[in-house]
Amino acid sequence: MAVPIAVLDCDLLLYGRGHRTLDRFKLEDVTDEYLVSTYGFPRQFICYLVDLLGATLSRPTQRSRAISPETQILAALGFYTSGSFQTRIGDAIGISQASMSRCVANVTEALVERASQFIHFPKDEATLQTLKDDFYGLAGMPGVLGVVDCTHVAIKAPNAEDLSYVNRKGLHSLNCLMVCDSRGVLLSAETHWPGSLPDCTVLEQAALTSQFETELHKGGWLLGDSSFLLRTWLMTPLHIPETPAEYRYNMAHSATHNIIERTFRTIRSRFRCLDGSKGTLQYSPEKSSHIILACCVLHNISLQHGLDVWSAPATGHLEQSEEEYEQMKSVDSDACRVRQELLLTHFS
């Protein structure tokens, strides 16, 4: 009687029932140096993820032998930090590349489920004031609740006819809108926008805009570059500064906004699956968006664990300069008034 292949574990087919494939790797058997070099993170961080995700990753399975949460997390970290399903990673933890792929999918969804737990703006006034104070300490820009920008991540073409993901460079990508604090902790991450949309349009349609326009964070604002429109809650640089105060404002704005660029470089350097050096993400836009968001969650968790060293720019990543929009569209008069008051009060 023929046995349906679909119900057999790939590792069972490869190694047979007598092979200790899924239990071969033990965290306690290797050094921290090995874990960092192979999976990108130290033992304490990996153990935290096992505690955090273990229950979710231990869901019932129809397979003859379930892969442990520890092994699934190592497989996913290996992919996130290397950018490929490398045979050496699968060999090290004793699973096939097909099982590696399933592990990445499981861990990705588990992290995405917890995104709001780790990526959010603070609610209490004391923490919001701390945000402002920390930003002010960088370059003297007052009232800043976060710095916002977009970054593109290359993906495979969804299909030959779908041009919505083709960006201005003619490449397929997702345009990801993110906000971070003065340490690079992400406060907002929307990773699903098609690459054809310019930054300004992404922000107009984003949940971030609805959040700031409905909750009205009085006395505070985000900083964005000139690809965004000036708003009462979003301060942009002056297109052509003329006075000393305007020059000082632009300098403080640039020095503060640079934090988001450094954050993008850190994320790409740590999670090489996003930097394009090993090719584009070979998934649908939805799955690619989830992988990016999962890496954002891990970025914030790593900062909580003190892994906050700024990284050098990664090679091969996909970036594109956007047009400046402020001078092309009608500017919000209330927003101009807010920025002018800021200039007069703090930079004159």
Protein backbone atom coordinates (compact mmCIF):
# COMPACT_ATOMS: atom_id res chain seq x y z
CA MET A 1 0.00 0.00 0.00
CA ALA A 2 1.38 3.36 -1.00
CA VAL A 3 2.00 5.88 1.79
CA PRO A 4 1.07 9.50 0.94
CA ILE A 5 4.27 11.54 0.94
CA ALA A 6 2.42 14.63 2.17
CA VAL A 7 2.06 13.26 5.69
CA LEU A 8 5.72 12.35 6.15
CA ASP A 9 8.25 14.63 7.78
CA CYS A 10 11.00 15.68 5.35
CA ASP A 11 13.66 14.88 7.94
CA LEU A 12 12.16 11.44 8.42
CA LEU A 13 12.51 10.81 4.68
CA LEU A 14 16.09 12.05 4.67
CA TYR A 15 17.43 10.40 7.81
CA GLY A 16 15.05 7.60 8.81
CA ARG A 17 13.46 6.85 12.17
CA GLY A 18 16.67 5.87 13.90
CA HIS A 19 18.42 9.20 13.30
CA ARG A 20 18.38 11.68 16.20
CA THR A 21 17.83 14.54 13.77
CA LEU A 22 15.59 16.82 15.78
CA ASP A 23 17.31 16.40 19.14
CA ARG A 24 20.91 16.55 18.01
CA PHE A 25 21.60 20.22 18.76
CA LYS A 26 21.72 21.46 22.35
CA LEU A 27 22.31 25.08 23.32
CA GLU A 28 24.41 24.06 26.30
CA ASP A 29 26.82 22.16 24.05
CA VAL A 30 28.08 25.23 22.17
CA THR A 31 29.75 28.51 23.08
CA ASP A 32 28.24 31.98 22.97
CA GLU A 33 30.76 32.85 20.27
CA TYR A 34 29.40 30.06 18.08
CA LEU A 35 25.80 31.13 18.65
CA VAL A 36 26.56 34.75 17.76
CA SER A 37 28.57 33.85 14.66
CA THR A 38 26.00 31.34 13.37
CA TYR A 39 22.65 32.71 14.55
CA GLY A 40 23.46 36.36 15.23
CA PHE A 41 22.52 36.44 18.92
CA PRO A 42 23.90 35.26 22.28
CA ARG A 43 22.52 32.46 24.44
CA GLN A 44 20.54 34.68 26.85
CA PHE A 45 18.67 36.31 23.97
CA ILE A 46 17.84 32.94 22.36
CA CYS A 47 16.62 31.54 25.69
CA TYR A 48 14.37 34.58 26.09
CA LEU A 49 12.83 33.91 22.67
CA VAL A 50 12.25 30.26 23.60
CA ASP A 51 10.35 31.38 26.72
CA LEU A 52 8.44 34.03 24.76
CA LEU A 53 7.43 31.91 21.76
CA GLY A 54 7.63 28.38 23.11
CA ALA A 55 3.92 27.88 23.73
CA THR A 56 2.98 29.16 20.29
CA LEU A 57 5.62 27.06 18.53
CA SER A 58 4.53 23.93 20.40
CA ARG A 59 1.10 23.85 18.79
CA PRO A 60 -0.17 20.35 17.89
CA THR A 61 1.28 18.92 14.70
CA GLN A 62 0.25 16.04 12.46
CA ARG A 63 3.88 15.20 11.81
CA SER A 64 5.45 12.14 13.35
CA ARG A 65 8.05 14.20 15.21
CA ALA A 66 7.51 17.84 16.09
CA ILE A 67 10.46 20.19 15.81
CA SER A 68 11.22 21.77 19.18
CA PRO A 69 10.65 25.52 19.70
CA GLU A 70 14.38 25.93 20.38
CA THR A 71 15.27 24.38 17.03
CA GLN A 72 12.62 26.40 15.18
CA ILE A 73 13.94 29.66 16.65
CA LEU A 74 17.55 28.82 15.76
CA ALA A 75 16.51 27.99 12.21
CA ALA A 76 14.64 31.28 11.85
CA LEU A 77 17.43 33.36 13.36
CA GLY A 78 19.88 31.66 11.02
CA PHE A 79 17.78 32.73 8.05
CA TYR A 80 17.08 36.28 9.29
CA THR A 81 20.73 37.00 9.98
CA SER A 82 22.27 35.23 6.98
CA GLY A 83 19.68 35.83 4.28
CA SER A 84 19.61 32.29 2.94
CA PHE A 85 18.60 28.73 3.85
CA GLN A 86 22.21 27.68 4.21
CA THR A 87 22.87 23.96 4.38
CA ARG A 88 25.37 24.44 7.21
CA ILE A 89 22.66 25.91 9.46
CA GLY A 90 20.28 23.04 8.79
CA ASP A 91 23.10 20.54 9.32
CA ALA A 92 24.10 22.21 12.60
CA ILE A 93 20.63 21.82 14.10
CA GLY A 94 19.80 18.62 12.27
CA ILE A 95 16.93 19.57 9.95
CA SER A 96 16.42 19.74 6.20
CA GLN A 97 16.04 22.92 4.17
CA ALA A 98 12.32 22.17 3.75
CA SER A 99 11.97 22.03 7.53
CA MET A 100 14.05 25.21 7.78
CA SER A 101 11.44 26.93 5.61
CA ARG A 102 8.60 25.75 7.85
CA CYS A 103 10.47 26.91 10.94
CA VAL A 104 10.98 30.38 9.48
CA ALA A 105 7.26 30.61 8.67
CA ASN A 106 6.24 29.49 12.18
CA VAL A 107 8.61 31.82 14.03
CA THR A 108 7.77 34.73 11.74
CA GLU A 109 4.04 34.43 12.43
CA ALA A 110 4.68 34.05 16.17
CA LEU A 111 6.70 37.28 16.21
CA VAL A 112 4.16 39.15 14.06
CA GLU A 113 1.43 38.16 16.52
CA ARG A 114 3.43 39.97 19.21
CA ALA A 115 4.37 43.06 17.17
CA SER A 116 2.07 45.41 19.09
CA GLN A 117 3.63 44.21 22.35
CA PHE A 118 7.09 45.40 21.32
CA ILE A 119 6.45 48.16 18.74
CA HIS A 120 4.28 51.00 20.02
CA PHE A 121 4.27 54.59 21.21
CA PRO A 122 4.22 55.10 24.97
CA LYS A 123 0.89 56.14 26.46
CA ASP A 124 1.74 57.82 29.74
CA GLU A 125 2.77 61.47 29.88
CA ALA A 126 5.95 60.82 31.85
CA THR A 127 7.35 58.46 29.20
CA LEU A 128 6.29 60.82 26.39
CA GLN A 129 8.17 63.62 28.12
CA THR A 130 11.22 61.38 28.42
CA LEU A 131 11.04 60.83 24.65
CA LYS A 132 11.11 64.57 24.08
CA ASP A 133 13.93 65.14 26.56
CA ASP A 134 16.10 62.44 24.98
CA PHE A 135 15.63 63.87 21.49
CA TYR A 136 16.28 67.41 22.74
CA GLY A 137 19.58 66.24 24.18
CA LEU A 138 20.79 65.20 20.72
CA ALA A 139 20.69 68.51 18.86
CA GLY A 140 18.37 70.88 20.71
CA MET A 141 15.18 70.09 18.76
CA PRO A 142 12.24 70.38 21.19
CA GLY A 143 8.97 68.45 21.27
CA VAL A 144 10.11 65.46 19.20
CA LEU A 145 8.18 62.22 19.79
CA GLY A 146 9.90 60.26 17.03
CA VAL A 147 11.65 60.43 13.67
CA VAL A 148 9.91 58.95 10.63
CA ASP A 149 11.10 57.76 7.23
CA CYS A 150 10.57 55.05 4.63
CA THR A 151 12.94 52.36 3.44
CA HIS A 152 12.59 49.88 0.58
CA VAL A 153 13.17 46.14 0.88
CA ALA A 154 13.57 44.18 -2.35
CA ILE A 155 11.18 41.28 -3.02
CA LYS A 156 10.68 38.89 -5.92
CA ALA A 157 8.17 39.97 -8.58
CA PRO A 158 4.67 38.85 -7.48
CA ASN A 159 3.74 38.27 -11.13
CA ALA A 160 4.55 39.72 -14.51
CA GLU A 161 1.44 41.91 -14.67
CA ASP A 162 1.49 43.44 -11.19
CA LEU A 163 3.38 46.74 -11.43
CA SER A 164 2.25 48.10 -8.07
CA TYR A 165 5.45 46.81 -6.42
CA VAL A 166 7.81 48.26 -9.03
CA ASN A 167 9.62 51.24 -7.53
CA ARG A 168 11.25 54.22 -9.22
CA LYS A 169 14.39 52.18 -9.91
CA GLY A 170 12.38 49.57 -11.78
CA LEU A 171 12.83 46.97 -9.02
CA HIS A 172 10.16 45.17 -7.02
CA SER A 173 10.06 46.21 -3.38
CA LEU A 174 8.02 46.94 -0.30
CA ASN A 175 8.09 50.52 0.97
CA CYS A 176 8.27 50.34 4.77
CA LEU A 177 7.25 53.28 6.96
CA MET A 178 8.93 53.36 10.36
CA VAL A 179 9.29 55.64 13.38
CA CYS A 180 11.99 55.32 16.03
CA ASP A 181 13.07 57.04 19.24
CA SER A 182 16.47 58.53 20.04
CA ARG A 183 17.97 55.07 20.74
CA GLY A 184 16.65 53.51 17.55
CA VAL A 185 13.79 51.66 19.24
CA LEU A 186 10.96 51.33 16.72
CA LEU A 187 7.71 53.00 17.79
CA SER A 188 5.82 52.20 14.61
CA ALA A 189 6.47 49.88 11.64
CA GLU A 190 4.21 49.48 8.60
CA THR A 191 5.95 47.06 6.28
CA HIS A 192 3.29 46.18 3.70
CA TRP A 193 3.17 49.18 1.34
CA PRO A 194 3.85 48.51 -2.39
CA GLY A 195 7.15 49.86 -3.68
CA SER A 196 5.50 51.99 -6.36
CA LEU A 197 4.03 54.31 -3.73
CA PRO A 198 6.14 57.37 -2.91
CA ASP A 199 6.87 58.09 0.74
CA CYS A 200 4.39 60.96 0.86
CA THR A 201 1.53 58.75 -0.34
CA VAL A 202 2.46 55.97 2.07
CA LEU A 203 2.25 58.37 5.00
CA GLU A 204 -1.07 59.81 3.79
CA GLN A 205 -2.61 56.32 3.81
CA ALA A 206 -0.81 54.97 6.87
CA ALA A 207 -2.32 54.10 10.23
CA LEU A 208 0.35 56.39 11.70
CA THR A 209 -1.37 59.44 10.21
CA SER A 210 -4.74 58.40 11.59
CA GLN A 211 -3.16 57.85 14.99
CA PHE A 212 -1.62 61.31 15.17
CA GLU A 213 -4.59 63.15 13.68
CA THR A 214 -7.13 61.51 15.99
CA GLU A 215 -5.11 61.30 19.21
CA LEU A 216 -3.63 64.78 18.74
CA HIS A 217 -0.32 64.52 20.59
CA LYS A 218 -0.35 68.14 21.74
CA GLY A 219 2.99 69.79 22.30
CA GLY A 220 4.85 67.20 20.29
CA TRP A 221 5.53 66.10 16.73
CA LEU A 222 7.43 63.73 14.51
CA LEU A 223 10.38 64.76 12.34
CA GLY A 224 10.30 63.78 8.67
CA ASP A 225 12.43 64.68 5.66
CA SER A 226 11.32 66.73 2.67
CA SER A 227 9.67 63.75 0.98
CA PHE A 228 6.77 64.32 3.40
CA LEU A 229 4.31 67.19 3.62
CA LEU A 230 4.54 69.57 6.56
CA ARG A 231 1.81 68.92 9.12
CA THR A 232 1.03 70.25 12.58
CA TRP A 233 2.32 66.95 13.99
CA LEU A 234 5.13 66.44 11.44
CA MET A 235 7.95 68.95 11.16
CA THR A 236 9.94 68.92 7.92
CA PRO A 237 13.08 70.90 6.96
CA LEU A 238 12.80 74.25 5.23
CA HIS A 239 13.35 73.87 1.50
CA ILE A 240 15.44 77.05 1.15
CA PRO A 241 16.61 78.39 4.54
CA GLU A 242 17.43 82.09 4.51
CA THR A 243 17.85 83.35 8.05
CA PRO A 244 20.32 82.16 10.73
CA ALA A 245 17.37 80.78 12.70
CA GLU A 246 16.22 78.77 9.70
CA TYR A 247 19.71 77.37 9.18
CA ARG A 248 19.93 76.39 12.88
CA TYR A 249 16.51 74.73 12.64
CA ASN A 250 17.54 72.72 9.58
CA MET A 251 20.82 71.66 11.17
CA ALA A 252 19.07 70.49 14.36
CA HIS A 253 16.40 68.77 12.27
CA SER A 254 18.99 66.92 10.15
CA ALA A 255 21.09 65.81 13.12
CA THR A 256 18.01 64.48 14.92
CA HIS A 257 16.37 62.85 11.90
CA ASN A 258 19.62 61.01 11.13
CA ILE A 259 18.73 58.55 13.92
CA ILE A 260 16.21 56.78 11.67
CA GLU A 261 18.82 56.33 8.93
CA ARG A 262 21.22 54.81 11.44
CA THR A 263 18.41 52.56 12.64
CA PHE A 264 17.73 51.35 9.10
CA ARG A 265 21.44 50.56 8.67
CA THR A 266 21.51 48.66 11.96
CA ILE A 267 18.47 46.56 11.04
CA ARG A 268 19.88 45.74 7.60
CA SER A 269 23.28 44.90 9.02
CA ARG A 270 21.86 42.61 11.70
CA PHE A 271 19.21 40.99 9.50
CA ARG A 272 20.94 40.28 6.22
CA CYS A 273 17.80 38.78 4.69
CA LEU A 274 16.68 42.42 4.25
CA ASP A 275 19.82 44.03 2.81
CA GLY A 276 19.71 42.47 -0.65
CA SER A 277 23.22 41.02 -0.46
CA LYS A 278 21.83 37.48 -0.82
CA GLY A 279 19.16 38.50 -3.32
CA THR A 280 15.56 39.56 -2.87
CA LEU A 281 13.12 38.01 -0.41
CA GLN A 282 11.74 35.02 -2.31
CA TYR A 283 8.23 35.27 -0.94
CA SER A 284 4.89 36.87 -1.72
CA PRO A 285 4.49 40.53 -0.69
CA GLU A 286 2.41 39.47 2.32
CA LYS A 287 4.94 36.92 3.59
CA SER A 288 7.82 39.30 2.87
CA SER A 289 6.04 42.01 4.86
CA HIS A 290 5.69 39.62 7.79
CA ILE A 291 9.39 38.70 7.66
CA ILE A 292 10.34 42.39 7.73
CA LEU A 293 8.00 43.02 10.67
CA ALA A 294 9.39 39.99 12.52
CA CYS A 295 12.90 41.42 12.13
CA CYS A 296 11.63 44.75 13.48
CA VAL A 297 10.25 42.98 16.55
CA LEU A 298 13.59 41.21 17.07
CA HIS A 299 15.38 44.55 16.66
CA ASN A 300 13.40 46.05 19.53
CA ILE A 301 13.83 42.96 21.71
CA SER A 302 17.58 43.07 21.08
CA LEU A 303 17.69 46.68 22.28
CA GLN A 304 15.83 45.66 25.43
CA HIS A 305 18.62 43.15 26.00
CA GLY A 306 21.36 45.75 25.59
CA LEU A 307 22.40 44.71 22.07
CA ASP A 308 22.29 48.30 20.92
CA VAL A 309 25.62 48.89 19.20
CA TRP A 310 25.14 51.04 16.09
CA SER A 311 26.24 49.11 13.02
CA ALA A 312 28.03 50.18 9.87
CA PRO A 313 26.03 50.43 6.64
CA ALA A 314 25.24 47.08 5.05
CA THR A 315 26.23 46.48 1.48
CA GLY A 316 23.88 45.87 -1.38
CA HIS A 317 20.75 47.29 0.20
CA LEU A 318 18.03 48.95 -1.79
CA GLU A 319 17.48 52.65 -1.26
CA GLN A 320 16.04 55.33 -3.44
CA SER A 321 15.84 59.07 -3.04
CA GLU A 322 12.40 60.56 -3.13
CA GLU A 323 11.29 63.80 -4.70
CA GLU A 324 10.66 66.77 -2.46
CA TYR A 325 6.95 67.34 -2.10
CA GLU A 326 6.54 70.34 0.15
CA GLN A 327 7.09 72.91 -2.57
CA MET A 328 4.94 70.98 -5.05
CA LYS A 329 1.67 70.93 -3.07
CA SER A 330 -0.31 73.41 -1.05
CA VAL A 331 1.13 73.62 2.45
CA ASP A 332 -1.04 73.44 5.56
CA SER A 333 -1.20 76.99 6.92
CA ASP A 334 -1.62 75.75 10.51
CA ALA A 335 1.45 73.56 10.08
CA CYS A 336 3.43 76.54 8.76
CA ARG A 337 2.37 78.54 11.80
CA VAL A 338 3.50 75.77 14.17
CA ARG A 339 6.89 75.55 12.48
CA GLN A 340 7.30 79.32 12.48
CA GLU A 341 6.53 79.46 16.19
CA LEU A 342 9.11 76.75 16.74
CA LEU A 343 11.68 78.80 14.82
CA LEU A 344 10.95 81.97 16.75
CA THR A 345 10.82 80.30 20.15
CA HIS A 346 13.82 77.99 20.00
CA PHE A 347 16.11 78.95 17.11
CA SER A 348 16.05 82.77 16.88
